Every structure is written in C-alpha cells, then in structure tokens.
mmCIF file of all heavy atoms, coordinates in Angstrom:
data_MODEL
# 
_entry.id   MODEL 
# 
loop_
_atom_site.group_PDB 
_atom_site.id 
_atom_site.type_symbol 
_atom_site.label_atom_id 
_atom_site.label_alt_id 
_atom_site.label_comp_id 
_atom_site.label_asym_id 
_atom_site.label_entity_id 
_atom_site.label_seq_id 
_atom_site.pdbx_PDB_ins_code 
_atom_site.Cartn_x 
_atom_site.Cartn_y 
_atom_site.Cartn_z 
_atom_site.occupancy 
_atom_site.B_iso_or_equiv 
_atom_site.pdbx_formal_charge 
_atom_site.auth_seq_id 
_atom_site.auth_comp_id 
_atom_site.auth_asym_id 
_atom_site.auth_atom_id 
_atom_site.pdbx_PDB_model_num 
ATOM 1   N N   . ASP A 1 1  ? 55.608 80.268 131.399 1.00 0.00 ? 1  ASP A N   1 
ATOM 2   C CA  . ASP A 1 1  ? 55.250 80.569 132.780 1.00 0.00 ? 1  ASP A CA  1 
ATOM 3   C C   . ASP A 1 1  ? 56.470 80.758 133.676 1.00 0.00 ? 1  ASP A C   1 
ATOM 4   O O   . ASP A 1 1  ? 56.344 80.873 134.893 1.00 0.00 ? 1  ASP A O   1 
ATOM 5   C CB  . ASP A 1 1  ? 54.376 79.448 133.342 1.00 0.00 ? 1  ASP A CB  1 
ATOM 6   C CG  . ASP A 1 1  ? 55.055 78.082 133.254 1.00 0.00 ? 1  ASP A CG  1 
ATOM 7   O OD1 . ASP A 1 1  ? 56.048 77.968 132.506 1.00 0.00 ? 1  ASP A OD1 1 
ATOM 8   O OD2 . ASP A 1 1  ? 54.578 77.135 133.906 1.00 0.00 ? 1  ASP A OD2 1 
ATOM 9   N N   . ALA A 1 2  ? 57.666 80.814 133.089 1.00 0.00 ? 2  ALA A N   1 
ATOM 10  C CA  . ALA A 1 2  ? 58.880 81.000 133.879 1.00 0.00 ? 2  ALA A CA  1 
ATOM 11  C C   . ALA A 1 2  ? 58.902 82.407 134.473 1.00 0.00 ? 2  ALA A C   1 
ATOM 12  O O   . ALA A 1 2  ? 58.332 83.349 133.904 1.00 0.00 ? 2  ALA A O   1 
ATOM 13  C CB  . ALA A 1 2  ? 60.110 80.784 133.009 1.00 0.00 ? 2  ALA A CB  1 
ATOM 14  N N   . PRO A 1 3  ? 59.544 82.577 135.622 1.00 0.00 ? 3  PRO A N   1 
ATOM 15  C CA  . PRO A 1 3  ? 59.644 83.924 136.225 1.00 0.00 ? 3  PRO A CA  1 
ATOM 16  C C   . PRO A 1 3  ? 60.262 84.924 135.253 1.00 0.00 ? 3  PRO A C   1 
ATOM 17  O O   . PRO A 1 3  ? 61.169 84.589 134.485 1.00 0.00 ? 3  PRO A O   1 
ATOM 18  C CB  . PRO A 1 3  ? 60.554 83.685 137.438 1.00 0.00 ? 3  PRO A CB  1 
ATOM 19  C CG  . PRO A 1 3  ? 60.381 82.240 137.767 1.00 0.00 ? 3  PRO A CG  1 
ATOM 20  C CD  . PRO A 1 3  ? 60.169 81.539 136.464 1.00 0.00 ? 3  PRO A CD  1 
ATOM 21  N N   . GLY A 1 4  ? 59.760 86.139 135.313 1.00 0.00 ? 4  GLY A N   1 
ATOM 22  C CA  . GLY A 1 4  ? 60.220 87.155 134.374 1.00 0.00 ? 4  GLY A CA  1 
ATOM 23  C C   . GLY A 1 4  ? 61.698 87.462 134.486 1.00 0.00 ? 4  GLY A C   1 
ATOM 24  O O   . GLY A 1 4  ? 62.349 87.793 133.495 1.00 0.00 ? 4  GLY A O   1 
ATOM 25  N N   . TRP A 1 5  ? 62.266 87.332 135.698 1.00 0.00 ? 5  TRP A N   1 
ATOM 26  C CA  . TRP A 1 5  ? 63.680 87.673 135.864 1.00 0.00 ? 5  TRP A CA  1 
ATOM 27  C C   . TRP A 1 5  ? 64.572 86.707 135.105 1.00 0.00 ? 5  TRP A C   1 
ATOM 28  O O   . TRP A 1 5  ? 65.658 87.094 134.658 1.00 0.00 ? 5  TRP A O   1 
ATOM 29  C CB  . TRP A 1 5  ? 64.045 87.707 137.335 1.00 0.00 ? 5  TRP A CB  1 
ATOM 30  C CG  . TRP A 1 5  ? 64.072 86.362 138.019 1.00 0.00 ? 5  TRP A CG  1 
ATOM 31  C CD1 . TRP A 1 5  ? 63.056 85.784 138.716 1.00 0.00 ? 5  TRP A CD1 1 
ATOM 32  C CD2 . TRP A 1 5  ? 65.170 85.457 138.080 1.00 0.00 ? 5  TRP A CD2 1 
ATOM 33  N NE1 . TRP A 1 5  ? 63.446 84.566 139.207 1.00 0.00 ? 5  TRP A NE1 1 
ATOM 34  C CE2 . TRP A 1 5  ? 64.742 84.330 138.838 1.00 0.00 ? 5  TRP A CE2 1 
ATOM 35  C CE3 . TRP A 1 5  ? 66.468 85.482 137.578 1.00 0.00 ? 5  TRP A CE3 1 
ATOM 36  C CZ2 . TRP A 1 5  ? 65.569 83.243 139.093 1.00 0.00 ? 5  TRP A CZ2 1 
ATOM 37  C CZ3 . TRP A 1 5  ? 67.298 84.388 137.830 1.00 0.00 ? 5  TRP A CZ3 1 
ATOM 38  C CH2 . TRP A 1 5  ? 66.850 83.286 138.581 1.00 0.00 ? 5  TRP A CH2 1 
ATOM 39  N N   . ILE A 1 6  ? 64.108 85.457 134.932 1.00 0.00 ? 6  ILE A N   1 
ATOM 40  C CA  . ILE A 1 6  ? 64.918 84.493 134.182 1.00 0.00 ? 6  ILE A CA  1 
ATOM 41  C C   . ILE A 1 6  ? 65.022 84.922 132.725 1.00 0.00 ? 6  ILE A C   1 
ATOM 42  O O   . ILE A 1 6  ? 66.111 84.936 132.126 1.00 0.00 ? 6  ILE A O   1 
ATOM 43  C CB  . ILE A 1 6  ? 64.310 83.081 134.300 1.00 0.00 ? 6  ILE A CB  1 
ATOM 44  C CG1 . ILE A 1 6  ? 64.469 82.558 135.725 1.00 0.00 ? 6  ILE A CG1 1 
ATOM 45  C CG2 . ILE A 1 6  ? 64.961 82.129 133.296 1.00 0.00 ? 6  ILE A CG2 1 
ATOM 46  C CD1 . ILE A 1 6  ? 63.933 81.162 135.937 1.00 0.00 ? 6  ILE A CD1 1 
ATOM 47  N N   . THR A 1 7  ? 63.892 85.284 132.149 1.00 0.00 ? 7  THR A N   1 
ATOM 48  C CA  . THR A 1 7  ? 63.900 85.754 130.765 1.00 0.00 ? 7  THR A CA  1 
ATOM 49  C C   . THR A 1 7  ? 64.712 87.032 130.623 1.00 0.00 ? 7  THR A C   1 
ATOM 50  O O   . THR A 1 7  ? 65.485 87.202 129.668 1.00 0.00 ? 7  THR A O   1 
ATOM 51  C CB  . THR A 1 7  ? 62.467 85.994 130.272 1.00 0.00 ? 7  THR A CB  1 
ATOM 52  O OG1 . THR A 1 7  ? 61.709 84.787 130.415 1.00 0.00 ? 7  THR A OG1 1 
ATOM 53  C CG2 . THR A 1 7  ? 62.458 86.417 128.814 1.00 0.00 ? 7  THR A CG2 1 
ATOM 54  N N   . GLY A 1 8  ? 64.552 87.943 131.594 1.00 0.00 ? 8  GLY A N   1 
ATOM 55  C CA  . GLY A 1 8  ? 65.276 89.201 131.527 1.00 0.00 ? 8  GLY A CA  1 
ATOM 56  C C   . GLY A 1 8  ? 66.777 89.019 131.593 1.00 0.00 ? 8  GLY A C   1 
ATOM 57  O O   . GLY A 1 8  ? 67.528 89.616 130.810 1.00 0.00 ? 8  GLY A O   1 
ATOM 58  N N   . VAL A 1 9  ? 67.236 88.160 132.512 1.00 0.00 ? 9  VAL A N   1 
ATOM 59  C CA  . VAL A 1 9  ? 68.673 87.928 132.650 1.00 0.00 ? 9  VAL A CA  1 
ATOM 60  C C   . VAL A 1 9  ? 69.226 87.214 131.427 1.00 0.00 ? 9  VAL A C   1 
ATOM 61  O O   . VAL A 1 9  ? 70.279 87.592 130.886 1.00 0.00 ? 9  VAL A O   1 
ATOM 62  C CB  . VAL A 1 9  ? 68.971 87.118 133.933 1.00 0.00 ? 9  VAL A CB  1 
ATOM 63  C CG1 . VAL A 1 9  ? 70.426 86.676 133.967 1.00 0.00 ? 9  VAL A CG1 1 
ATOM 64  C CG2 . VAL A 1 9  ? 68.649 87.943 135.170 1.00 0.00 ? 9  VAL A CG2 1 
ATOM 65  N N   . SER A 1 10 ? 68.529 86.170 130.952 1.00 0.00 ? 10 SER A N   1 
ATOM 66  C CA  . SER A 1 10 ? 69.037 85.389 129.820 1.00 0.00 ? 10 SER A CA  1 
ATOM 67  C C   . SER A 1 10 ? 69.120 86.221 128.550 1.00 0.00 ? 10 SER A C   1 
ATOM 68  O O   . SER A 1 10 ? 70.012 86.006 127.715 1.00 0.00 ? 10 SER A O   1 
ATOM 69  C CB  . SER A 1 10 ? 68.159 84.161 129.589 1.00 0.00 ? 10 SER A CB  1 
ATOM 70  O OG  . SER A 1 10 ? 66.833 84.532 129.243 1.00 0.00 ? 10 SER A OG  1 
ATOM 71  N N   . ASN A 1 11 ? 68.210 87.177 128.395 1.00 0.00 ? 11 ASN A N   1 
ATOM 72  C CA  . ASN A 1 11 ? 68.226 88.013 127.193 1.00 0.00 ? 11 ASN A CA  1 
ATOM 73  C C   . ASN A 1 11 ? 69.375 89.017 127.181 1.00 0.00 ? 11 ASN A C   1 
ATOM 74  O O   . ASN A 1 11 ? 69.668 89.604 126.134 1.00 0.00 ? 11 ASN A O   1 
ATOM 75  C CB  . ASN A 1 11 ? 66.896 88.755 127.043 1.00 0.00 ? 11 ASN A CB  1 
ATOM 76  C CG  . ASN A 1 11 ? 65.774 87.848 126.590 1.00 0.00 ? 11 ASN A CG  1 
ATOM 77  O OD1 . ASN A 1 11 ? 66.005 86.817 125.968 1.00 0.00 ? 11 ASN A OD1 1 
ATOM 78  N ND2 . ASN A 1 11 ? 64.541 88.212 126.913 1.00 0.00 ? 11 ASN A ND2 1 
ATOM 79  N N   . LEU A 1 12 ? 70.018 89.215 128.327 1.00 0.00 ? 12 LEU A N   1 
ATOM 80  C CA  . LEU A 1 12 ? 71.138 90.157 128.384 1.00 0.00 ? 12 LEU A CA  1 
ATOM 81  C C   . LEU A 1 12 ? 72.427 89.554 127.841 1.00 0.00 ? 12 LEU A C   1 
ATOM 82  O O   . LEU A 1 12 ? 73.358 90.289 127.505 1.00 0.00 ? 12 LEU A O   1 
ATOM 83  C CB  . LEU A 1 12 ? 71.370 90.619 129.823 1.00 0.00 ? 12 LEU A CB  1 
ATOM 84  C CG  . LEU A 1 12 ? 70.273 91.478 130.471 1.00 0.00 ? 12 LEU A CG  1 
ATOM 85  C CD1 . LEU A 1 12 ? 70.620 91.742 131.926 1.00 0.00 ? 12 LEU A CD1 1 
ATOM 86  C CD2 . LEU A 1 12 ? 70.097 92.788 129.709 1.00 0.00 ? 12 LEU A CD2 1 
ATOM 87  N N   . PHE A 1 13 ? 72.484 88.228 127.753 1.00 0.00 ? 13 PHE A N   1 
ATOM 88  C CA  . PHE A 1 13 ? 73.716 87.536 127.393 1.00 0.00 ? 13 PHE A CA  1 
ATOM 89  C C   . PHE A 1 13 ? 73.527 86.777 126.080 1.00 0.00 ? 13 PHE A C   1 
ATOM 90  O O   . PHE A 1 13 ? 72.397 86.576 125.617 1.00 0.00 ? 13 PHE A O   1 
ATOM 91  C CB  . PHE A 1 13 ? 74.124 86.600 128.531 1.00 0.00 ? 13 PHE A CB  1 
ATOM 92  C CG  . PHE A 1 13 ? 74.428 87.318 129.817 1.00 0.00 ? 13 PHE A CG  1 
ATOM 93  C CD1 . PHE A 1 13 ? 73.450 87.465 130.794 1.00 0.00 ? 13 PHE A CD1 1 
ATOM 94  C CD2 . PHE A 1 13 ? 75.681 87.858 130.041 1.00 0.00 ? 13 PHE A CD2 1 
ATOM 95  C CE1 . PHE A 1 13 ? 73.725 88.128 131.978 1.00 0.00 ? 13 PHE A CE1 1 
ATOM 96  C CE2 . PHE A 1 13 ? 75.965 88.522 131.225 1.00 0.00 ? 13 PHE A CE2 1 
ATOM 97  C CZ  . PHE A 1 13 ? 74.983 88.667 132.195 1.00 0.00 ? 13 PHE A CZ  1 
ATOM 98  N N   . PRO A 1 14 ? 74.623 86.340 125.459 1.00 0.00 ? 14 PRO A N   1 
ATOM 99  C CA  . PRO A 1 14 ? 74.513 85.805 124.094 1.00 0.00 ? 14 PRO A CA  1 
ATOM 100 C C   . PRO A 1 14 ? 74.004 84.373 123.981 1.00 0.00 ? 14 PRO A C   1 
ATOM 101 O O   . PRO A 1 14 ? 73.635 83.940 122.894 1.00 0.00 ? 14 PRO A O   1 
ATOM 102 C CB  . PRO A 1 14 ? 75.962 85.895 123.581 1.00 0.00 ? 14 PRO A CB  1 
ATOM 103 C CG  . PRO A 1 14 ? 76.801 85.775 124.811 1.00 0.00 ? 14 PRO A CG  1 
ATOM 104 C CD  . PRO A 1 14 ? 76.027 86.472 125.894 1.00 0.00 ? 14 PRO A CD  1 
ATOM 105 N N   . VAL A 1 15 ? 73.955 83.614 125.093 1.00 0.00 ? 15 VAL A N   1 
ATOM 106 C CA  . VAL A 1 15 ? 73.575 82.204 124.981 1.00 0.00 ? 15 VAL A CA  1 
ATOM 107 C C   . VAL A 1 15 ? 72.128 82.053 124.522 1.00 0.00 ? 15 VAL A C   1 
ATOM 108 O O   . VAL A 1 15 ? 71.828 81.261 123.622 1.00 0.00 ? 15 VAL A O   1 
ATOM 109 C CB  . VAL A 1 15 ? 73.800 81.477 126.318 1.00 0.00 ? 15 VAL A CB  1 
ATOM 110 C CG1 . VAL A 1 15 ? 73.330 80.021 126.211 1.00 0.00 ? 15 VAL A CG1 1 
ATOM 111 C CG2 . VAL A 1 15 ? 75.270 81.517 126.705 1.00 0.00 ? 15 VAL A CG2 1 
ATOM 112 N N   . ARG A 1 16 ? 71.214 82.794 125.134 1.00 0.00 ? 16 ARG A N   1 
ATOM 113 C CA  . ARG A 1 16 ? 69.794 82.677 124.782 1.00 0.00 ? 16 ARG A CA  1 
ATOM 114 C C   . ARG A 1 16 ? 69.525 83.101 123.334 1.00 0.00 ? 16 ARG A C   1 
ATOM 115 O O   . ARG A 1 16 ? 68.853 82.369 122.588 1.00 0.00 ? 16 ARG A O   1 
ATOM 116 C CB  . ARG A 1 16 ? 68.930 83.475 125.759 1.00 0.00 ? 16 ARG A CB  1 
ATOM 117 C CG  . ARG A 1 16 ? 67.422 83.396 125.490 1.00 0.00 ? 16 ARG A CG  1 
ATOM 118 C CD  . ARG A 1 16 ? 66.923 81.958 125.532 1.00 0.00 ? 16 ARG A CD  1 
ATOM 119 N NE  . ARG A 1 16 ? 65.525 81.832 125.203 1.00 0.00 ? 16 ARG A NE  1 
ATOM 120 C CZ  . ARG A 1 16 ? 64.536 81.843 126.110 1.00 0.00 ? 16 ARG A CZ  1 
ATOM 121 N NH1 . ARG A 1 16 ? 64.823 81.998 127.394 1.00 0.00 ? 16 ARG A NH1 1 
ATOM 122 N NH2 . ARG A 1 16 ? 63.299 81.708 125.751 1.00 0.00 ? 16 ARG A NH2 1 
ATOM 123 N N   . PRO A 1 17 ? 70.005 84.268 122.889 1.00 0.00 ? 17 PRO A N   1 
ATOM 124 C CA  . PRO A 1 17 ? 69.785 84.611 121.473 1.00 0.00 ? 17 PRO A CA  1 
ATOM 125 C C   . PRO A 1 17 ? 70.392 83.592 120.506 1.00 0.00 ? 17 PRO A C   1 
ATOM 126 O O   . PRO A 1 17 ? 69.809 83.301 119.458 1.00 0.00 ? 17 PRO A O   1 
ATOM 127 C CB  . PRO A 1 17 ? 70.469 85.982 121.343 1.00 0.00 ? 17 PRO A CB  1 
ATOM 128 C CG  . PRO A 1 17 ? 70.469 86.546 122.712 1.00 0.00 ? 17 PRO A CG  1 
ATOM 129 C CD  . PRO A 1 17 ? 70.639 85.372 123.619 1.00 0.00 ? 17 PRO A CD  1 
ATOM 130 N N   . PHE A 1 18 ? 71.553 83.056 120.858 1.00 0.00 ? 18 PHE A N   1 
ATOM 131 C CA  . PHE A 1 18 ? 72.175 82.042 119.999 1.00 0.00 ? 18 PHE A CA  1 
ATOM 132 C C   . PHE A 1 18 ? 71.315 80.787 119.921 1.00 0.00 ? 18 PHE A C   1 
ATOM 133 O O   . PHE A 1 18 ? 71.078 80.244 118.827 1.00 0.00 ? 18 PHE A O   1 
ATOM 134 C CB  . PHE A 1 18 ? 73.560 81.696 120.536 1.00 0.00 ? 18 PHE A CB  1 
ATOM 135 C CG  . PHE A 1 18 ? 74.239 80.567 119.808 1.00 0.00 ? 18 PHE A CG  1 
ATOM 136 C CD1 . PHE A 1 18 ? 74.545 80.677 118.459 1.00 0.00 ? 18 PHE A CD1 1 
ATOM 137 C CD2 . PHE A 1 18 ? 74.572 79.393 120.471 1.00 0.00 ? 18 PHE A CD2 1 
ATOM 138 C CE1 . PHE A 1 18 ? 75.165 79.627 117.774 1.00 0.00 ? 18 PHE A CE1 1 
ATOM 139 C CE2 . PHE A 1 18 ? 75.195 78.351 119.808 1.00 0.00 ? 18 PHE A CE2 1 
ATOM 140 C CZ  . PHE A 1 18 ? 75.485 78.466 118.461 1.00 0.00 ? 18 PHE A CZ  1 
ATOM 141 N N   . PHE A 1 19 ? 70.827 80.334 121.063 1.00 0.00 ? 19 PHE A N   1 
ATOM 142 C CA  . PHE A 1 19 ? 69.973 79.153 121.082 1.00 0.00 ? 19 PHE A CA  1 
ATOM 143 C C   . PHE A 1 19 ? 68.665 79.405 120.330 1.00 0.00 ? 19 PHE A C   1 
ATOM 144 O O   . PHE A 1 19 ? 68.187 78.555 119.571 1.00 0.00 ? 19 PHE A O   1 
ATOM 145 C CB  . PHE A 1 19 ? 69.695 78.740 122.525 1.00 0.00 ? 19 PHE A CB  1 
ATOM 146 C CG  . PHE A 1 19 ? 68.736 77.582 122.647 1.00 0.00 ? 19 PHE A CG  1 
ATOM 147 C CD1 . PHE A 1 19 ? 68.870 76.458 121.856 1.00 0.00 ? 19 PHE A CD1 1 
ATOM 148 C CD2 . PHE A 1 19 ? 67.700 77.619 123.562 1.00 0.00 ? 19 PHE A CD2 1 
ATOM 149 C CE1 . PHE A 1 19 ? 67.995 75.384 121.969 1.00 0.00 ? 19 PHE A CE1 1 
ATOM 150 C CE2 . PHE A 1 19 ? 66.818 76.568 123.683 1.00 0.00 ? 19 PHE A CE2 1 
ATOM 151 C CZ  . PHE A 1 19 ? 66.965 75.446 122.887 1.00 0.00 ? 19 PHE A CZ  1 
ATOM 152 N N   . ASP A 1 20 ? 68.072 80.579 120.525 1.00 0.00 ? 20 ASP A N   1 
ATOM 153 C CA  . ASP A 1 20 ? 66.825 80.903 119.811 1.00 0.00 ? 20 ASP A CA  1 
ATOM 154 C C   . ASP A 1 20 ? 67.051 80.915 118.299 1.00 0.00 ? 20 ASP A C   1 
ATOM 155 O O   . ASP A 1 20 ? 66.223 80.409 117.533 1.00 0.00 ? 20 ASP A O   1 
ATOM 156 C CB  . ASP A 1 20 ? 66.299 82.262 120.265 1.00 0.00 ? 20 ASP A CB  1 
ATOM 157 C CG  . ASP A 1 20 ? 65.692 82.217 121.663 1.00 0.00 ? 20 ASP A CG  1 
ATOM 158 O OD1 . ASP A 1 20 ? 65.424 81.112 122.151 1.00 0.00 ? 20 ASP A OD1 1 
ATOM 159 O OD2 . ASP A 1 20 ? 65.502 83.291 122.260 1.00 0.00 ? 20 ASP A OD2 1 
ATOM 160 N N   . ALA A 1 21 ? 68.172 81.492 117.858 1.00 0.00 ? 21 ALA A N   1 
ATOM 161 C CA  . ALA A 1 21 ? 68.467 81.537 116.427 1.00 0.00 ? 21 ALA A CA  1 
ATOM 162 C C   . ALA A 1 21 ? 68.679 80.131 115.875 1.00 0.00 ? 21 ALA A C   1 
ATOM 163 O O   . ALA A 1 21 ? 68.223 79.801 114.769 1.00 0.00 ? 21 ALA A O   1 
ATOM 164 C CB  . ALA A 1 21 ? 69.698 82.407 116.172 1.00 0.00 ? 21 ALA A CB  1 
ATOM 165 N N   . MET A 1 22 ? 69.372 79.276 116.636 1.00 0.00 ? 22 MET A N   1 
ATOM 166 C CA  . MET A 1 22 ? 69.572 77.895 116.197 1.00 0.00 ? 22 MET A CA  1 
ATOM 167 C C   . MET A 1 22 ? 68.249 77.139 116.126 1.00 0.00 ? 22 MET A C   1 
ATOM 168 O O   . MET A 1 22 ? 67.975 76.410 115.163 1.00 0.00 ? 22 MET A O   1 
ATOM 169 C CB  . MET A 1 22 ? 70.545 77.179 117.130 1.00 0.00 ? 22 MET A CB  1 
ATOM 170 C CG  . MET A 1 22 ? 72.001 77.507 116.886 1.00 0.00 ? 22 MET A CG  1 
ATOM 171 S SD  . MET A 1 22 ? 73.121 76.310 117.663 1.00 0.00 ? 22 MET A SD  1 
ATOM 172 C CE  . MET A 1 22 ? 72.739 74.828 116.736 1.00 0.00 ? 22 MET A CE  1 
ATOM 173 N N   . ALA A 1 23 ? 67.425 77.304 117.161 1.00 0.00 ? 23 ALA A N   1 
ATOM 174 C CA  . ALA A 1 23 ? 66.156 76.575 117.206 1.00 0.00 ? 23 ALA A CA  1 
ATOM 175 C C   . ALA A 1 23 ? 65.214 77.026 116.092 1.00 0.00 ? 23 ALA A C   1 
ATOM 176 O O   . ALA A 1 23 ? 64.602 76.207 115.399 1.00 0.00 ? 23 ALA A O   1 
ATOM 177 C CB  . ALA A 1 23 ? 65.496 76.765 118.568 1.00 0.00 ? 23 ALA A CB  1 
ATOM 178 N N   . ASN A 1 24 ? 65.090 78.335 115.894 1.00 0.00 ? 24 ASN A N   1 
ATOM 179 C CA  . ASN A 1 24 ? 64.159 78.842 114.888 1.00 0.00 ? 24 ASN A CA  1 
ATOM 180 C C   . ASN A 1 24 ? 64.602 78.518 113.469 1.00 0.00 ? 24 ASN A C   1 
ATOM 181 O O   . ASN A 1 24 ? 63.775 78.420 112.564 1.00 0.00 ? 24 ASN A O   1 
ATOM 182 C CB  . ASN A 1 24 ? 63.984 80.348 115.044 1.00 0.00 ? 24 ASN A CB  1 
ATOM 183 C CG  . ASN A 1 24 ? 63.223 80.717 116.302 1.00 0.00 ? 24 ASN A CG  1 
ATOM 184 O OD1 . ASN A 1 24 ? 62.636 79.850 116.951 1.00 0.00 ? 24 ASN A OD1 1 
ATOM 185 N ND2 . ASN A 1 24 ? 63.245 81.976 116.668 1.00 0.00 ? 24 ASN A ND2 1 
ATOM 186 N N   . SER A 1 25 ? 65.911 78.357 113.255 1.00 0.00 ? 25 SER A N   1 
ATOM 187 C CA  . SER A 1 25 ? 66.376 77.968 111.924 1.00 0.00 ? 25 SER A CA  1 
ATOM 188 C C   . SER A 1 25 ? 66.292 76.451 111.739 1.00 0.00 ? 25 SER A C   1 
ATOM 189 O O   . SER A 1 25 ? 65.876 75.967 110.685 1.00 0.00 ? 25 SER A O   1 
ATOM 190 C CB  . SER A 1 25 ? 67.807 78.446 111.689 1.00 0.00 ? 25 SER A CB  1 
ATOM 191 O OG  . SER A 1 25 ? 68.678 77.980 112.703 1.00 0.00 ? 25 SER A OG  1 
# 
C-alpha cells in the first residue's frame, strides 16, 4: 500500500534490487 512514487524511485537505483535479491534467496 506504499505510494507508487516510492516504488518507482527505489526501482531506479541498485539498493532495492539488491535487497530483493538477498531476501528472495
């Protein structure tokens, strides 16, 4: 339910993908 701009901004930079990859593994 987070605002869409937060997801959009975080997906532009490497921290979010790195965290997602760590969490999913």
